[in-house]
Amino acid sequence: MKNKQRIRPLTPTERKFAEEKYHLITDFLKRSKLDAEEFFDIVVFDFLLSVEIYLNSEDLQNKCNFEAFSYMYMKRAIYRHFREQKALKRSSEAGADISFDEVDAYIGKSINSMENSSSLEYEETIKQIESILTMEQQRIFFDKLEGYSLKEIADNNGIKPKRVYKQFGKIKSVVADVMDEQRLLG
């Protein structure tokens, strides 16, 4: 639920509007044939974000009604939820080493020493890589370890795909350097 970070406390006007339109959440879940208990927490923040955005944009208010706008945001939340679940499933089905296998494919070098290392060495390697990367590169790196594709990473983090690919090139270089350093020391 990435939008929790973007949403600010609602103004009294926004709060009143959200209370009046609150039924749209349950209507949306019923129409989408989704279990309200399971999916309410997933859509509520996007609903509140839609209230905030809609009430602060006169152009938007003139172009469409709030119900359609809020449904679009709630639908986006559901889509994002299932996309994230799919990525988690993809990484867990393949096992813990799949992420490094994917990184290995991009680097073009063998990382068998990483696969055979103990979990302590693994954690130290991750910490060493993390200490070199920028915050943005860390998000890309850890999302990649979770099994997300570069396109999914771009979508999830609101970064342009071209930038993600460029940053991933730098990440590959850092990973390769750390792995080479470990081979020399090991």
N, C-alpha and C. Protein backbone atom coordinates (compact mmCIF):
# COMPACT_ATOMS: atom_id res chain seq x y z
N MET A 1 0.84 -1.17 0.00
CA MET A 1 0.00 0.00 0.00
C MET A 1 0.89 1.24 0.00
N LYS A 2 1.43 1.51 -1.10
CA LYS A 2 2.37 2.60 -1.27
C LYS A 2 1.73 3.95 -1.00
N ASN A 3 0.43 4.08 -1.19
CA ASN A 3 -0.22 5.38 -1.06
C ASN A 3 -0.33 5.85 0.37
N LYS A 4 -0.13 4.98 1.35
CA LYS A 4 -0.15 5.42 2.74
C LYS A 4 0.93 6.47 2.96
N GLN A 5 2.02 6.37 2.23
CA GLN A 5 3.10 7.32 2.38
C GLN A 5 2.74 8.67 1.77
N ARG A 6 1.93 8.67 0.74
CA ARG A 6 1.60 9.90 0.03
C ARG A 6 0.42 10.64 0.66
N ILE A 7 -0.47 9.93 1.31
CA ILE A 7 -1.68 10.56 1.82
C ILE A 7 -1.34 11.37 3.07
N ARG A 8 -1.97 12.50 3.18
CA ARG A 8 -1.78 13.37 4.34
C ARG A 8 -3.10 13.35 5.12
N PRO A 9 -3.11 13.85 6.34
CA PRO A 9 -4.38 13.90 7.07
C PRO A 9 -5.40 14.73 6.27
N LEU A 10 -6.61 14.22 6.21
CA LEU A 10 -7.65 14.91 5.44
C LEU A 10 -8.09 16.18 6.16
N THR A 11 -8.43 17.17 5.36
CA THR A 11 -8.99 18.41 5.92
C THR A 11 -10.41 18.10 6.38
N PRO A 12 -11.02 18.95 7.19
CA PRO A 12 -12.41 18.71 7.60
C PRO A 12 -13.36 18.54 6.41
N THR A 13 -13.17 19.33 5.37
CA THR A 13 -14.02 19.21 4.17
C THR A 13 -13.82 17.86 3.51
N GLU A 14 -12.56 17.45 3.36
CA GLU A 14 -12.26 16.15 2.75
C GLU A 14 -12.80 15.01 3.61
N ARG A 15 -12.66 15.15 4.93
CA ARG A 15 -13.15 14.12 5.85
C ARG A 15 -14.66 13.96 5.73
N LYS A 16 -15.37 15.08 5.68
CA LYS A 16 -16.83 15.05 5.55
C LYS A 16 -17.22 14.40 4.21
N PHE A 17 -16.53 14.78 3.16
CA PHE A 17 -16.80 14.21 1.83
C PHE A 17 -16.54 12.70 1.83
N ALA A 18 -15.43 12.28 2.46
CA ALA A 18 -15.09 10.86 2.53
C ALA A 18 -16.16 10.09 3.30
N GLU A 19 -16.66 10.68 4.38
CA GLU A 19 -17.72 10.03 5.16
C GLU A 19 -18.99 9.87 4.34
N GLU A 20 -19.32 10.89 3.56
CA GLU A 20 -20.52 10.83 2.72
C GLU A 20 -20.39 9.79 1.62
N LYS A 21 -19.19 9.61 1.11
CA LYS A 21 -18.96 8.69 -0.02
C LYS A 21 -18.38 7.34 0.42
N TYR A 22 -18.30 7.13 1.71
CA TYR A 22 -17.71 5.92 2.27
C TYR A 22 -18.33 4.64 1.71
N HIS A 23 -19.63 4.68 1.44
CA HIS A 23 -20.34 3.51 0.92
C HIS A 23 -19.78 3.03 -0.43
N LEU A 24 -19.07 3.90 -1.13
CA LEU A 24 -18.49 3.52 -2.42
C LEU A 24 -17.46 2.40 -2.28
N ILE A 25 -16.82 2.33 -1.12
CA ILE A 25 -15.84 1.26 -0.90
C ILE A 25 -16.55 -0.09 -0.91
N THR A 26 -17.61 -0.23 -0.12
CA THR A 26 -18.33 -1.51 -0.09
C THR A 26 -19.03 -1.78 -1.41
N ASP A 27 -19.55 -0.74 -2.06
CA ASP A 27 -20.16 -0.92 -3.38
C ASP A 27 -19.14 -1.46 -4.38
N PHE A 28 -17.95 -0.89 -4.35
CA PHE A 28 -16.89 -1.32 -5.26
C PHE A 28 -16.53 -2.79 -5.00
N LEU A 29 -16.37 -3.15 -3.73
CA LEU A 29 -16.00 -4.53 -3.40
C LEU A 29 -17.09 -5.51 -3.80
N LYS A 30 -18.36 -5.13 -3.62
CA LYS A 30 -19.47 -5.99 -4.04
C LYS A 30 -19.50 -6.16 -5.55
N ARG A 31 -19.40 -5.05 -6.27
CA ARG A 31 -19.42 -5.12 -7.74
C ARG A 31 -18.24 -5.91 -8.29
N SER A 32 -17.12 -5.82 -7.60
CA SER A 32 -15.93 -6.54 -8.04
C SER A 32 -15.91 -7.98 -7.53
N LYS A 33 -16.93 -8.34 -6.75
CA LYS A 33 -17.05 -9.68 -6.16
C LYS A 33 -15.81 -10.05 -5.35
N LEU A 34 -15.39 -9.09 -4.52
CA LEU A 34 -14.24 -9.29 -3.65
C LEU A 34 -14.72 -9.32 -2.20
N ASP A 35 -14.08 -10.14 -1.40
CA ASP A 35 -14.42 -10.26 0.01
C ASP A 35 -14.05 -8.96 0.73
N ALA A 36 -15.06 -8.32 1.31
CA ALA A 36 -14.85 -7.03 1.96
C ALA A 36 -13.85 -7.13 3.11
N GLU A 37 -13.91 -8.21 3.86
CA GLU A 37 -13.01 -8.38 4.99
C GLU A 37 -11.55 -8.46 4.54
N GLU A 38 -11.33 -9.14 3.44
CA GLU A 38 -9.97 -9.34 2.94
C GLU A 38 -9.43 -8.12 2.19
N PHE A 39 -10.28 -7.44 1.43
CA PHE A 39 -9.80 -6.41 0.53
C PHE A 39 -10.05 -4.97 0.99
N PHE A 40 -10.80 -4.79 2.07
CA PHE A 40 -11.09 -3.43 2.53
C PHE A 40 -9.80 -2.65 2.80
N ASP A 41 -8.89 -3.25 3.56
CA ASP A 41 -7.64 -2.57 3.90
C ASP A 41 -6.79 -2.26 2.67
N ILE A 42 -6.97 -3.02 1.63
CA ILE A 42 -6.20 -2.81 0.41
C ILE A 42 -6.69 -1.58 -0.34
N VAL A 43 -8.01 -1.36 -0.37
CA VAL A 43 -8.56 -0.25 -1.17
C VAL A 43 -8.80 1.04 -0.39
N VAL A 44 -8.88 0.97 0.93
CA VAL A 44 -9.28 2.15 1.69
C VAL A 44 -8.32 3.33 1.52
N PHE A 45 -7.02 3.07 1.49
CA PHE A 45 -6.07 4.17 1.37
C PHE A 45 -6.13 4.81 -0.02
N ASP A 46 -6.36 4.00 -1.03
CA ASP A 46 -6.50 4.57 -2.37
C ASP A 46 -7.81 5.34 -2.48
N PHE A 47 -8.84 4.89 -1.78
CA PHE A 47 -10.09 5.65 -1.74
C PHE A 47 -9.85 7.02 -1.12
N LEU A 48 -9.16 7.05 0.03
CA LEU A 48 -8.87 8.32 0.70
C LEU A 48 -7.98 9.22 -0.15
N LEU A 49 -7.04 8.61 -0.84
CA LEU A 49 -6.20 9.39 -1.74
C LEU A 49 -7.02 9.97 -2.88
N SER A 50 -7.99 9.20 -3.36
CA SER A 50 -8.85 9.72 -4.44
C SER A 50 -9.69 10.90 -3.94
N VAL A 51 -10.13 10.85 -2.69
CA VAL A 51 -10.87 11.98 -2.10
C VAL A 51 -9.97 13.22 -2.10
N GLU A 52 -8.76 13.04 -1.61
CA GLU A 52 -7.81 14.15 -1.51
C GLU A 52 -7.53 14.76 -2.89
N ILE A 53 -7.24 13.93 -3.85
CA ILE A 53 -6.90 14.42 -5.19
C ILE A 53 -8.11 15.06 -5.86
N TYR A 54 -9.25 14.40 -5.77
CA TYR A 54 -10.46 14.88 -6.44
C TYR A 54 -10.89 16.26 -5.93
N LEU A 55 -10.91 16.41 -4.62
CA LEU A 55 -11.38 17.68 -4.05
C LEU A 55 -10.38 18.83 -4.25
N ASN A 56 -9.16 18.50 -4.56
CA ASN A 56 -8.16 19.54 -4.77
C ASN A 56 -7.91 19.83 -6.25
N SER A 57 -8.76 19.30 -7.12
CA SER A 57 -8.61 19.54 -8.56
C SER A 57 -9.96 19.90 -9.16
N GLU A 58 -10.13 21.17 -9.42
CA GLU A 58 -11.39 21.62 -10.02
C GLU A 58 -11.57 21.05 -11.43
N ASP A 59 -10.47 20.95 -12.17
CA ASP A 59 -10.54 20.37 -13.52
C ASP A 59 -11.10 18.96 -13.46
N LEU A 60 -10.61 18.20 -12.52
CA LEU A 60 -11.05 16.82 -12.36
C LEU A 60 -12.53 16.76 -11.99
N GLN A 61 -12.96 17.63 -11.12
CA GLN A 61 -14.36 17.67 -10.72
C GLN A 61 -15.26 18.00 -11.90
N ASN A 62 -14.77 18.81 -12.82
CA ASN A 62 -15.55 19.17 -14.01
C ASN A 62 -15.55 18.06 -15.06
N LYS A 63 -14.52 17.22 -15.06
CA LYS A 63 -14.39 16.18 -16.08
C LYS A 63 -15.14 14.89 -15.76
N CYS A 64 -15.15 14.49 -14.49
CA CYS A 64 -15.78 13.20 -14.17
C CYS A 64 -16.40 13.25 -12.77
N ASN A 65 -17.26 12.27 -12.52
CA ASN A 65 -17.87 12.21 -11.19
C ASN A 65 -16.95 11.46 -10.23
N PHE A 66 -17.16 11.67 -8.96
CA PHE A 66 -16.26 11.09 -7.97
C PHE A 66 -16.33 9.57 -7.94
N GLU A 67 -17.51 9.01 -8.14
CA GLU A 67 -17.64 7.56 -8.09
C GLU A 67 -16.70 6.90 -9.10
N ALA A 68 -16.71 7.38 -10.33
CA ALA A 68 -15.84 6.81 -11.36
C ALA A 68 -14.37 7.00 -10.99
N PHE A 69 -14.05 8.16 -10.48
CA PHE A 69 -12.67 8.46 -10.11
C PHE A 69 -12.19 7.56 -8.96
N SER A 70 -13.03 7.42 -7.94
CA SER A 70 -12.63 6.59 -6.80
C SER A 70 -12.54 5.12 -7.19
N TYR A 71 -13.44 4.66 -8.07
CA TYR A 71 -13.39 3.28 -8.54
C TYR A 71 -12.07 3.02 -9.27
N MET A 72 -11.62 4.00 -10.04
CA MET A 72 -10.36 3.85 -10.76
C MET A 72 -9.21 3.66 -9.77
N TYR A 73 -9.20 4.45 -8.70
CA TYR A 73 -8.14 4.34 -7.71
C TYR A 73 -8.23 3.01 -6.95
N MET A 74 -9.43 2.59 -6.59
CA MET A 74 -9.58 1.33 -5.86
C MET A 74 -9.22 0.15 -6.76
N LYS A 75 -9.58 0.24 -8.03
CA LYS A 75 -9.23 -0.82 -8.98
C LYS A 75 -7.71 -0.91 -9.12
N ARG A 76 -7.07 0.25 -9.13
CA ARG A 76 -5.61 0.29 -9.21
C ARG A 76 -4.99 -0.38 -7.98
N ALA A 77 -5.58 -0.17 -6.82
CA ALA A 77 -5.07 -0.78 -5.59
C ALA A 77 -5.17 -2.30 -5.66
N ILE A 78 -6.29 -2.79 -6.17
CA ILE A 78 -6.47 -4.24 -6.32
C ILE A 78 -5.48 -4.80 -7.32
N TYR A 79 -5.33 -4.11 -8.44
CA TYR A 79 -4.38 -4.54 -9.47
C TYR A 79 -2.98 -4.61 -8.89
N ARG A 80 -2.57 -3.56 -8.16
CA ARG A 80 -1.24 -3.52 -7.56
C ARG A 80 -1.07 -4.65 -6.55
N HIS A 81 -2.12 -4.92 -5.78
CA HIS A 81 -2.07 -5.99 -4.78
C HIS A 81 -1.80 -7.34 -5.46
N PHE A 82 -2.57 -7.64 -6.50
CA PHE A 82 -2.39 -8.92 -7.18
C PHE A 82 -1.05 -9.00 -7.90
N ARG A 83 -0.58 -7.89 -8.44
CA ARG A 83 0.72 -7.88 -9.10
C ARG A 83 1.82 -8.16 -8.08
N GLU A 84 1.71 -7.56 -6.90
CA GLU A 84 2.70 -7.80 -5.85
C GLU A 84 2.64 -9.25 -5.37
N GLN A 85 1.43 -9.78 -5.23
CA GLN A 85 1.28 -11.17 -4.82
C GLN A 85 1.89 -12.12 -5.84
N LYS A 86 1.69 -11.80 -7.11
CA LYS A 86 2.25 -12.62 -8.18
C LYS A 86 3.78 -12.60 -8.12
N ALA A 87 4.35 -11.44 -7.88
CA ALA A 87 5.81 -11.33 -7.79
C ALA A 87 6.33 -12.09 -6.59
N LEU A 88 5.63 -12.00 -5.45
CA LEU A 88 6.05 -12.74 -4.26
C LEU A 88 5.96 -14.23 -4.50
N LYS A 89 4.88 -14.65 -5.15
CA LYS A 89 4.70 -16.07 -5.44
C LYS A 89 5.80 -16.55 -6.37
N ARG A 90 6.12 -15.73 -7.36
CA ARG A 90 7.13 -16.10 -8.34
C ARG A 90 8.48 -16.28 -7.66
N SER A 91 8.83 -15.41 -6.73
CA SER A 91 10.13 -15.53 -6.08
C SER A 91 10.16 -16.67 -5.07
N SER A 92 9.05 -16.92 -4.38
CA SER A 92 9.05 -17.99 -3.38
C SER A 92 8.94 -19.37 -4.02
N GLU A 93 8.29 -19.48 -5.17
CA GLU A 93 8.20 -20.78 -5.84
C GLU A 93 9.56 -21.26 -6.29
N ALA A 94 10.39 -20.35 -6.70
CA ALA A 94 11.68 -20.72 -7.25
C ALA A 94 12.72 -20.96 -6.17
N GLY A 95 12.48 -20.51 -4.97
CA GLY A 95 13.43 -20.70 -3.90
C GLY A 95 14.22 -19.44 -3.64
N ALA A 96 15.02 -19.49 -2.60
CA ALA A 96 15.74 -18.29 -2.17
C ALA A 96 16.80 -17.84 -3.16
N ASP A 97 17.37 -18.75 -3.94
CA ASP A 97 18.48 -18.37 -4.81
C ASP A 97 18.05 -17.83 -6.16
N ILE A 98 16.75 -17.84 -6.46
CA ILE A 98 16.31 -17.39 -7.78
C ILE A 98 16.70 -15.95 -8.05
N SER A 99 16.64 -15.12 -7.06
CA SER A 99 16.96 -13.72 -7.26
C SER A 99 18.41 -13.55 -7.68
N PHE A 100 19.30 -14.28 -7.05
CA PHE A 100 20.69 -14.17 -7.44
C PHE A 100 20.95 -14.85 -8.78
N ASP A 101 20.16 -15.85 -9.11
CA ASP A 101 20.28 -16.44 -10.45
C ASP A 101 19.92 -15.40 -11.50
N GLU A 102 18.88 -14.60 -11.23
CA GLU A 102 18.49 -13.56 -12.17
C GLU A 102 19.58 -12.50 -12.27
N VAL A 103 20.12 -12.09 -11.13
CA VAL A 103 21.20 -11.10 -11.15
C VAL A 103 22.39 -11.68 -11.91
N ASP A 104 22.69 -12.95 -11.68
CA ASP A 104 23.80 -13.62 -12.36
C ASP A 104 23.62 -13.58 -13.87
N ALA A 105 22.39 -13.77 -14.33
CA ALA A 105 22.13 -13.75 -15.77
C ALA A 105 22.47 -12.38 -16.35
N TYR A 106 22.20 -11.33 -15.60
CA TYR A 106 22.52 -9.99 -16.09
C TYR A 106 24.01 -9.70 -15.99
N ILE A 107 24.62 -10.15 -14.96
CA ILE A 107 26.04 -9.87 -14.77
C ILE A 107 26.87 -10.69 -15.74
N GLY A 108 26.41 -11.91 -16.02
CA GLY A 108 27.14 -12.77 -16.94
C GLY A 108 28.31 -13.46 -16.29
N LYS A 109 28.33 -13.50 -14.98
CA LYS A 109 29.42 -14.16 -14.27
C LYS A 109 28.82 -15.17 -13.30
N SER A 110 29.57 -16.17 -12.98
CA SER A 110 29.10 -17.18 -12.05
C SER A 110 29.17 -16.66 -10.63
N ILE A 111 28.14 -16.97 -9.87
CA ILE A 111 28.17 -16.59 -8.46
C ILE A 111 27.99 -17.84 -7.59
N ASN A 112 28.57 -18.93 -8.06
CA ASN A 112 28.44 -20.18 -7.31
C ASN A 112 28.97 -20.03 -5.89
N SER A 113 30.00 -19.20 -5.72
CA SER A 113 30.53 -19.02 -4.37
C SER A 113 29.47 -18.42 -3.45
N MET A 114 28.61 -17.55 -4.01
CA MET A 114 27.52 -16.95 -3.23
C MET A 114 26.51 -18.01 -2.85
N GLU A 115 26.16 -18.88 -3.80
CA GLU A 115 25.15 -19.90 -3.54
C GLU A 115 25.63 -20.89 -2.49
N ASN A 116 26.94 -21.11 -2.44
CA ASN A 116 27.48 -22.09 -1.50
C ASN A 116 27.87 -21.47 -0.16
N SER A 117 27.81 -20.16 -0.07
CA SER A 117 28.22 -19.50 1.17
C SER A 117 27.16 -19.67 2.25
N SER A 118 27.60 -19.52 3.48
CA SER A 118 26.67 -19.64 4.60
C SER A 118 25.74 -18.44 4.62
N SER A 119 24.67 -18.55 5.38
CA SER A 119 23.71 -17.45 5.45
C SER A 119 24.35 -16.20 6.06
N LEU A 120 25.31 -16.38 6.95
CA LEU A 120 26.00 -15.23 7.54
C LEU A 120 26.81 -14.50 6.47
N GLU A 121 27.51 -15.26 5.64
CA GLU A 121 28.27 -14.65 4.55
C GLU A 121 27.32 -13.97 3.56
N TYR A 122 26.19 -14.61 3.34
CA TYR A 122 25.18 -14.05 2.44
C TYR A 122 24.71 -12.70 2.97
N GLU A 123 24.36 -12.66 4.25
CA GLU A 123 23.90 -11.41 4.86
C GLU A 123 24.97 -10.33 4.81
N GLU A 124 26.21 -10.72 5.07
CA GLU A 124 27.31 -9.75 5.01
C GLU A 124 27.48 -9.21 3.59
N THR A 125 27.34 -10.08 2.61
CA THR A 125 27.45 -9.65 1.21
C THR A 125 26.34 -8.67 0.88
N ILE A 126 25.12 -8.98 1.30
CA ILE A 126 23.99 -8.08 1.05
C ILE A 126 24.24 -6.73 1.72
N LYS A 127 24.72 -6.75 2.97
CA LYS A 127 25.00 -5.50 3.68
C LYS A 127 26.09 -4.69 2.96
N GLN A 128 27.10 -5.39 2.47
CA GLN A 128 28.19 -4.72 1.76
C GLN A 128 27.67 -4.07 0.48
N ILE A 129 26.85 -4.80 -0.27
CA ILE A 129 26.26 -4.26 -1.50
C ILE A 129 25.37 -3.08 -1.15
N GLU A 130 24.54 -3.24 -0.12
CA GLU A 130 23.60 -2.19 0.29
C GLU A 130 24.34 -0.91 0.68
N SER A 131 25.47 -1.05 1.35
CA SER A 131 26.21 0.13 1.80
C SER A 131 26.77 0.95 0.64
N ILE A 132 26.94 0.34 -0.51
CA ILE A 132 27.50 1.04 -1.67
C ILE A 132 26.40 1.71 -2.50
N LEU A 133 25.20 1.13 -2.48
CA LEU A 133 24.12 1.61 -3.34
C LEU A 133 23.44 2.85 -2.78
N THR A 134 22.90 3.68 -3.67
CA THR A 134 22.07 4.81 -3.26
C THR A 134 20.72 4.27 -2.78
N MET A 135 19.90 5.11 -2.17
CA MET A 135 18.59 4.67 -1.70
C MET A 135 17.74 4.13 -2.85
N GLU A 136 17.74 4.83 -3.97
CA GLU A 136 16.96 4.40 -5.13
C GLU A 136 17.46 3.06 -5.64
N GLN A 137 18.78 2.90 -5.71
CA GLN A 137 19.36 1.64 -6.16
C GLN A 137 19.04 0.51 -5.18
N GLN A 138 19.01 0.82 -3.89
CA GLN A 138 18.66 -0.19 -2.89
C GLN A 138 17.24 -0.69 -3.10
N ARG A 139 16.29 0.23 -3.37
CA ARG A 139 14.91 -0.18 -3.62
C ARG A 139 14.84 -1.10 -4.84
N ILE A 140 15.55 -0.73 -5.89
CA ILE A 140 15.56 -1.55 -7.11
C ILE A 140 16.19 -2.91 -6.81
N PHE A 141 17.31 -2.91 -6.11
CA PHE A 141 18.03 -4.14 -5.79
C PHE A 141 17.16 -5.09 -4.97
N PHE A 142 16.54 -4.58 -3.91
CA PHE A 142 15.74 -5.44 -3.05
C PHE A 142 14.45 -5.89 -3.73
N ASP A 143 13.86 -5.04 -4.55
CA ASP A 143 12.69 -5.48 -5.34
C ASP A 143 13.09 -6.59 -6.30
N LYS A 144 14.27 -6.47 -6.89
CA LYS A 144 14.76 -7.51 -7.80
C LYS A 144 14.98 -8.81 -7.04
N LEU A 145 15.50 -8.71 -5.83
CA LEU A 145 15.69 -9.91 -5.00
C LEU A 145 14.35 -10.56 -4.65
N GLU A 146 13.29 -9.76 -4.58
CA GLU A 146 11.95 -10.29 -4.29
C GLU A 146 11.32 -10.94 -5.51
N GLY A 147 11.95 -10.80 -6.67
CA GLY A 147 11.43 -11.46 -7.86
C GLY A 147 10.70 -10.56 -8.83
N TYR A 148 10.69 -9.25 -8.57
CA TYR A 148 10.02 -8.34 -9.48
C TYR A 148 10.85 -8.17 -10.76
N SER A 149 10.16 -7.98 -11.88
CA SER A 149 10.85 -7.64 -13.12
C SER A 149 11.22 -6.17 -13.07
N LEU A 150 12.11 -5.74 -13.96
CA LEU A 150 12.50 -4.33 -13.97
C LEU A 150 11.31 -3.43 -14.29
N LYS A 151 10.42 -3.89 -15.16
CA LYS A 151 9.22 -3.11 -15.50
C LYS A 151 8.33 -2.97 -14.26
N GLU A 152 8.14 -4.08 -13.52
CA GLU A 152 7.34 -4.02 -12.30
C GLU A 152 7.97 -3.09 -11.27
N ILE A 153 9.29 -3.13 -11.18
CA ILE A 153 9.99 -2.25 -10.24
C ILE A 153 9.74 -0.79 -10.60
N ALA A 154 9.81 -0.49 -11.88
CA ALA A 154 9.55 0.89 -12.34
C ALA A 154 8.13 1.31 -11.97
N ASP A 155 7.15 0.44 -12.25
CA ASP A 155 5.76 0.75 -11.95
C ASP A 155 5.53 0.91 -10.45
N ASN A 156 6.07 -0.01 -9.66
CA ASN A 156 5.84 0.00 -8.21
C ASN A 156 6.46 1.21 -7.51
N ASN A 157 7.59 1.68 -8.03
CA ASN A 157 8.30 2.78 -7.37
C ASN A 157 8.08 4.13 -8.04
N GLY A 158 7.29 4.14 -9.11
CA GLY A 158 7.02 5.40 -9.79
C GLY A 158 8.26 5.99 -10.45
N ILE A 159 9.14 5.10 -10.92
CA ILE A 159 10.37 5.53 -11.58
C ILE A 159 10.23 5.19 -13.07
N LYS A 160 10.77 6.03 -13.92
CA LYS A 160 10.72 5.76 -15.35
C LYS A 160 11.52 4.50 -15.65
N PRO A 161 10.98 3.62 -16.52
CA PRO A 161 11.68 2.37 -16.85
C PRO A 161 13.12 2.59 -17.31
N LYS A 162 13.34 3.62 -18.11
CA LYS A 162 14.69 3.89 -18.61
C LYS A 162 15.65 4.12 -17.44
N ARG A 163 15.18 4.84 -16.42
CA ARG A 163 16.02 5.11 -15.25
C ARG A 163 16.29 3.82 -14.47
N VAL A 164 15.26 2.97 -14.36
CA VAL A 164 15.44 1.70 -13.64
C VAL A 164 16.51 0.86 -14.33
N TYR A 165 16.43 0.77 -15.67
CA TYR A 165 17.42 -0.01 -16.42
C TYR A 165 18.83 0.57 -16.24
N LYS A 166 18.93 1.89 -16.26
CA LYS A 166 20.23 2.55 -16.08
C LYS A 166 20.77 2.27 -14.68
N GLN A 167 19.91 2.42 -13.67
CA GLN A 167 20.33 2.16 -12.29
C GLN A 167 20.70 0.69 -12.10
N PHE A 168 19.93 -0.20 -12.76
CA PHE A 168 20.22 -1.62 -12.61
C PHE A 168 21.58 -1.96 -13.21
N GLY A 169 21.96 -1.27 -14.28
CA GLY A 169 23.30 -1.44 -14.84
C GLY A 169 24.37 -1.11 -13.80
N LYS A 170 24.16 -0.03 -13.06
CA LYS A 170 25.09 0.36 -12.01
C LYS A 170 25.09 -0.66 -10.87
N ILE A 171 23.89 -1.17 -10.55
CA ILE A 171 23.77 -2.18 -9.49
C ILE A 171 24.54 -3.44 -9.88
N LYS A 172 24.40 -3.86 -11.13
CA LYS A 172 25.13 -5.05 -11.61
C LYS A 172 26.62 -4.86 -11.44
N SER A 173 27.09 -3.67 -11.73
CA SER A 173 28.51 -3.38 -11.60
C SER A 173 28.96 -3.48 -10.14
N VAL A 174 28.15 -2.94 -9.23
CA VAL A 174 28.47 -3.01 -7.80
C VAL A 174 28.47 -4.46 -7.33
N VAL A 175 27.45 -5.22 -7.72
CA VAL A 175 27.37 -6.63 -7.32
C VAL A 175 28.58 -7.39 -7.86
N ALA A 176 28.93 -7.15 -9.11
CA ALA A 176 30.09 -7.82 -9.71
C ALA A 176 31.37 -7.47 -8.96
N ASP A 177 31.54 -6.19 -8.61
CA ASP A 177 32.73 -5.77 -7.86
C ASP A 177 32.80 -6.45 -6.49
N VAL A 178 31.68 -6.49 -5.79
CA VAL A 178 31.64 -7.12 -4.47
C VAL A 178 31.94 -8.61 -4.59
N MET A 179 31.36 -9.25 -5.60
CA MET A 179 31.59 -10.68 -5.79
C MET A 179 33.05 -10.95 -6.16
N ASP A 180 33.64 -10.12 -7.01
CA ASP A 180 35.05 -10.28 -7.37
C ASP A 180 35.94 -10.11 -6.14
N GLU A 181 35.60 -9.11 -5.32
CA GLU A 181 36.36 -8.87 -4.10
C GLU A 181 36.29 -10.08 -3.17
N GLN A 182 35.11 -10.68 -3.07
CA GLN A 182 34.95 -11.86 -2.21
C GLN A 182 35.72 -13.05 -2.76
N ARG A 183 35.73 -13.19 -4.08
CA ARG A 183 36.49 -14.30 -4.69
C ARG A 183 37.98 -14.15 -4.39
N LEU A 184 38.47 -12.91 -4.45
CA LEU A 184 39.88 -12.66 -4.17
C LEU A 184 40.21 -12.93 -2.71
N LEU A 185 39.28 -12.57 -1.82
CA LEU A 185 39.50 -12.79 -0.39
C LEU A 185 39.24 -14.23 0.01
N GLY A 186 38.33 -14.89 -0.71
CA GLY A 186 37.91 -16.25 -0.37
C GLY A 186 38.80 -17.23 -0.98
